[in-house]
C-alpha atoms as a PDB file:
ATOM      1  CA  MET A   1    -156.257-170.025  39.453  1.00  0.00           C
ATOM      2  CA  SER A   2    -155.683-171.822  42.728  1.00  0.00           C
ATOM      3  CA  ILE A   3    -152.644-171.514  44.949  1.00  0.00           C
ATOM      4  CA  ARG A   4    -151.425-174.968  43.980  1.00  0.00           C
ATOM      5  CA  GLN A   5    -151.934-174.240  40.345  1.00  0.00           C
ATOM      6  CA  GLN A   6    -150.064-171.020  40.385  1.00  0.00           C
ATOM      7  CA  ALA A   7    -147.262-172.523  42.442  1.00  0.00           C
ATOM      8  CA  ALA A   8    -146.944-175.395  40.076  1.00  0.00           C
ATOM      9  CA  LEU A   9    -147.051-173.139  36.978  1.00  0.00           C
ATOM     10  CA  TYR A  10    -144.300-170.852  38.336  1.00  0.00           C
ATOM     11  CA  GLN A  11    -142.257-173.559  40.072  1.00  0.00           C
ATOM     12  CA  CYS A  12    -142.807-172.323  43.620  1.00  0.00           C
ATOM     13  CA  ALA A  13    -143.546-175.487  45.351  1.00  0.00           C
ATOM     14  CA  CYS A  14    -143.706-174.569  49.023  1.00  0.00           C
ATOM     15  CA  PRO A  15    -147.188-173.051  49.061  1.00  0.00           C
ATOM     16  CA  ALA A  16    -148.380-175.825  46.819  1.00  0.00           C
ATOM     17  CA  GLN A  17    -147.099-178.530  49.235  1.00  0.00           C
ATOM     18  CA  VAL A  18    -148.682-176.922  52.264  1.00  0.00           C
ATOM     19  CA  GLY A  19    -151.886-176.524  50.367  1.00  0.00           C
ATOM     20  CA  LEU A  20    -151.695-180.170  49.325  1.00  0.00           C
ATOM     21  CA  LEU A  21    -151.172-181.137  52.906  1.00  0.00           C
ATOM     22  CA  LEU A  22    -154.356-179.366  53.967  1.00  0.00           C
ATOM     23  CA  ALA A  23    -156.208-181.149  51.242  1.00  0.00           C
ATOM     24  CA  GLU A  24    -154.990-184.543  52.384  1.00  0.00           C
ATOM     25  CA  ILE A  25    -155.816-183.837  56.038  1.00  0.00           C
ATOM     26  CA  LEU A  26    -159.407-182.918  54.943  1.00  0.00           C
ATOM     27  CA  LYS A  27    -159.575-186.144  52.846  1.00  0.00           C
ATOM     28  CA  LEU A  28    -158.486-188.220  55.865  1.00  0.00           C
ATOM     29  CA  PHE A  29    -161.070-186.530  58.070  1.00  0.00           C
ATOM     30  CA  GLU A  30    -163.796-187.168  55.484  1.00  0.00           C
ATOM     31  CA  TYR A  31    -162.553-190.766  54.924  1.00  0.00           C
ATOM     32  CA  GLN A  32    -162.752-191.708  58.546  1.00  0.00           C
ATOM     33  CA  GLU A  33    -166.213-190.285  58.919  1.00  0.00           C
ATOM     34  CA  ASN A  34    -167.460-192.785  56.383  1.00  0.00           C
ATOM     35  CA  CYS A  35    -165.858-195.779  57.984  1.00  0.00           C
ATOM     36  CA  LEU A  36    -167.996-198.348  59.825  1.00  0.00           C
ATOM     37  CA  ASN A  37    -167.772-198.613  63.498  1.00  0.00           C
ATOM     38  CA  ARG A  38    -168.257-202.392  64.071  1.00  0.00           C
ATOM     39  CA  THR A  39    -166.162-202.753  67.151  1.00  0.00           C
ATOM     40  CA  GLU A  40    -165.064-200.635  70.113  1.00  0.00           C
ATOM     41  CA  ALA A  41    -161.621-200.469  68.640  1.00  0.00           C
ATOM     42  CA  ASP A  42    -163.126-199.011  65.337  1.00  0.00           C
ATOM     43  CA  VAL A  43    -164.701-196.201  67.355  1.00  0.00           C
ATOM     44  CA  LEU A  44    -161.485-195.466  69.135  1.00  0.00           C
ATOM     45  CA  VAL A  45    -159.478-195.515  65.947  1.00  0.00           C
ATOM     46  CA  HIS A  46    -161.897-193.087  64.243  1.00  0.00           C
ATOM     47  CA  ARG A  47    -161.907-190.756  67.204  1.00  0.00           C
ATOM     48  CA  ALA A  48    -158.226-190.689  67.238  1.00  0.00           C
ATOM     49  CA  ILE A  49    -158.115-189.830  63.518  1.00  0.00           C
ATOM     50  CA  GLU A  50    -160.837-187.174  63.902  1.00  0.00           C
ATOM     51  CA  LYS A  51    -158.929-185.571  66.915  1.00  0.00           C
ATOM     52  CA  ALA A  52    -155.640-185.530  65.152  1.00  0.00           C
ATOM     53  CA  THR A  53    -157.138-184.090  61.924  1.00  0.00           C
ATOM     54  CA  ARG A  54    -159.067-181.424  63.806  1.00  0.00           C
ATOM     55  CA  GLU A  55    -155.868-180.442  65.608  1.00  0.00           C
ATOM     56  CA  ALA A  56    -153.567-180.549  62.608  1.00  0.00           C
ATOM     57  CA  TYR A  57    -155.781-178.727  60.114  1.00  0.00           C
ATOM     58  CA  PRO A  58    -155.655-175.234  61.778  1.00  0.00           C
ATOM     59  CA  ILE A  59    -151.975-175.511  62.415  1.00  0.00           C
ATOM     60  CA  ILE A  60    -151.193-176.214  58.762  1.00  0.00           C
ATOM     61  CA  GLU A  61    -153.772-173.591  57.621  1.00  0.00           C
ATOM     62  CA  LYS A  62    -151.952-170.973  59.737  1.00  0.00           C
ATOM     63  CA  CYS A  63    -148.677-172.164  58.272  1.00  0.00           C
ATOM     64  CA  LEU A  64    -149.974-171.591  54.724  1.00  0.00           C
ATOM     65  CA  THR A  65    -151.263-168.049  55.605  1.00  0.00           C
ATOM     66  CA  GLU A  66    -147.842-167.334  56.999  1.00  0.00           C
ATOM     67  CA  VAL A  67    -146.000-168.654  53.893  1.00  0.00           C
ATOM     68  CA  LEU A  68    -148.256-166.657  51.556  1.00  0.00           C
ATOM     69  CA  THR A  69    -147.890-163.582  53.671  1.00  0.00           C
ATOM     70  CA  LEU A  70    -144.060-163.856  53.864  1.00  0.00           C
ATOM     71  CA  GLU A  71    -143.839-164.419  50.068  1.00  0.00           C
ATOM     72  CA  GLY A  72    -146.149-161.429  49.429  1.00  0.00           C
ATOM     73  CA  TRP A  73    -149.166-163.072  47.929  1.00  0.00           C
ATOM     74  CA  ASN A  74    -152.326-161.044  47.664  1.00  0.00           C
ATOM     75  CA  MET A  75    -154.408-162.362  50.437  1.00  0.00           C
ATOM     76  CA  ASP A  76    -157.677-161.031  49.045  1.00  0.00           C
ATOM     77  CA  THR A  77    -157.320-162.753  45.693  1.00  0.00           C
ATOM     78  CA  LEU A  78    -154.749-165.436  46.562  1.00  0.00           C
ATOM     79  CA  THR A  79    -152.616-164.276  43.634  1.00  0.00           C
ATOM     80  CA  MET A  80    -148.877-164.913  43.521  1.00  0.00           C
ATOM     81  CA  PRO A  81    -146.708-161.831  43.547  1.00  0.00           C
ATOM     82  CA  GLU A  82    -145.045-160.782  40.296  1.00  0.00           C
ATOM     83  CA  TYR A  83    -141.486-161.386  41.535  1.00  0.00           C
ATOM     84  CA  LEU A  84    -142.154-165.004  42.047  1.00  0.00           C
ATOM     85  CA  LYS A  85    -143.590-165.308  38.515  1.00  0.00           C
ATOM     86  CA  GLN A  86    -140.476-163.479  37.221  1.00  0.00           C
ATOM     87  CA  ARG A  87    -138.251-165.976  38.999  1.00  0.00           C
ATOM     88  CA  LEU A  88    -139.319-168.644  36.513  1.00  0.00           C
ATOM     89  CA  LEU A  89    -138.694-166.409  33.490  1.00  0.00           C
ATOM     90  CA  ASP A  90    -135.265-165.455  34.845  1.00  0.00           C
ATOM     91  CA  SER A  91    -134.319-169.173  35.175  1.00  0.00           C
ATOM     92  CA  ILE A  92    -135.120-169.986  31.520  1.00  0.00           C
END
């Protein structure tokens, strides 16, 4: 089960939101790669998007690693810790 699936299932949204942001940055990068470069402005726009996404992705990826580490996720299996799963059961 992915980080986002586990986080959604156990109502722990922070890791899921950071993971979603990573996915969206990747989608934006891939989207701009497929755009047509008809004008000089197009080229500059796509270079700006590429630069921003290349810079943003590792920052957010590092954030996700930090969040998972702070919460005690198993970094080998990317499995949520039991105490977070228990939190949902306790709230019911």
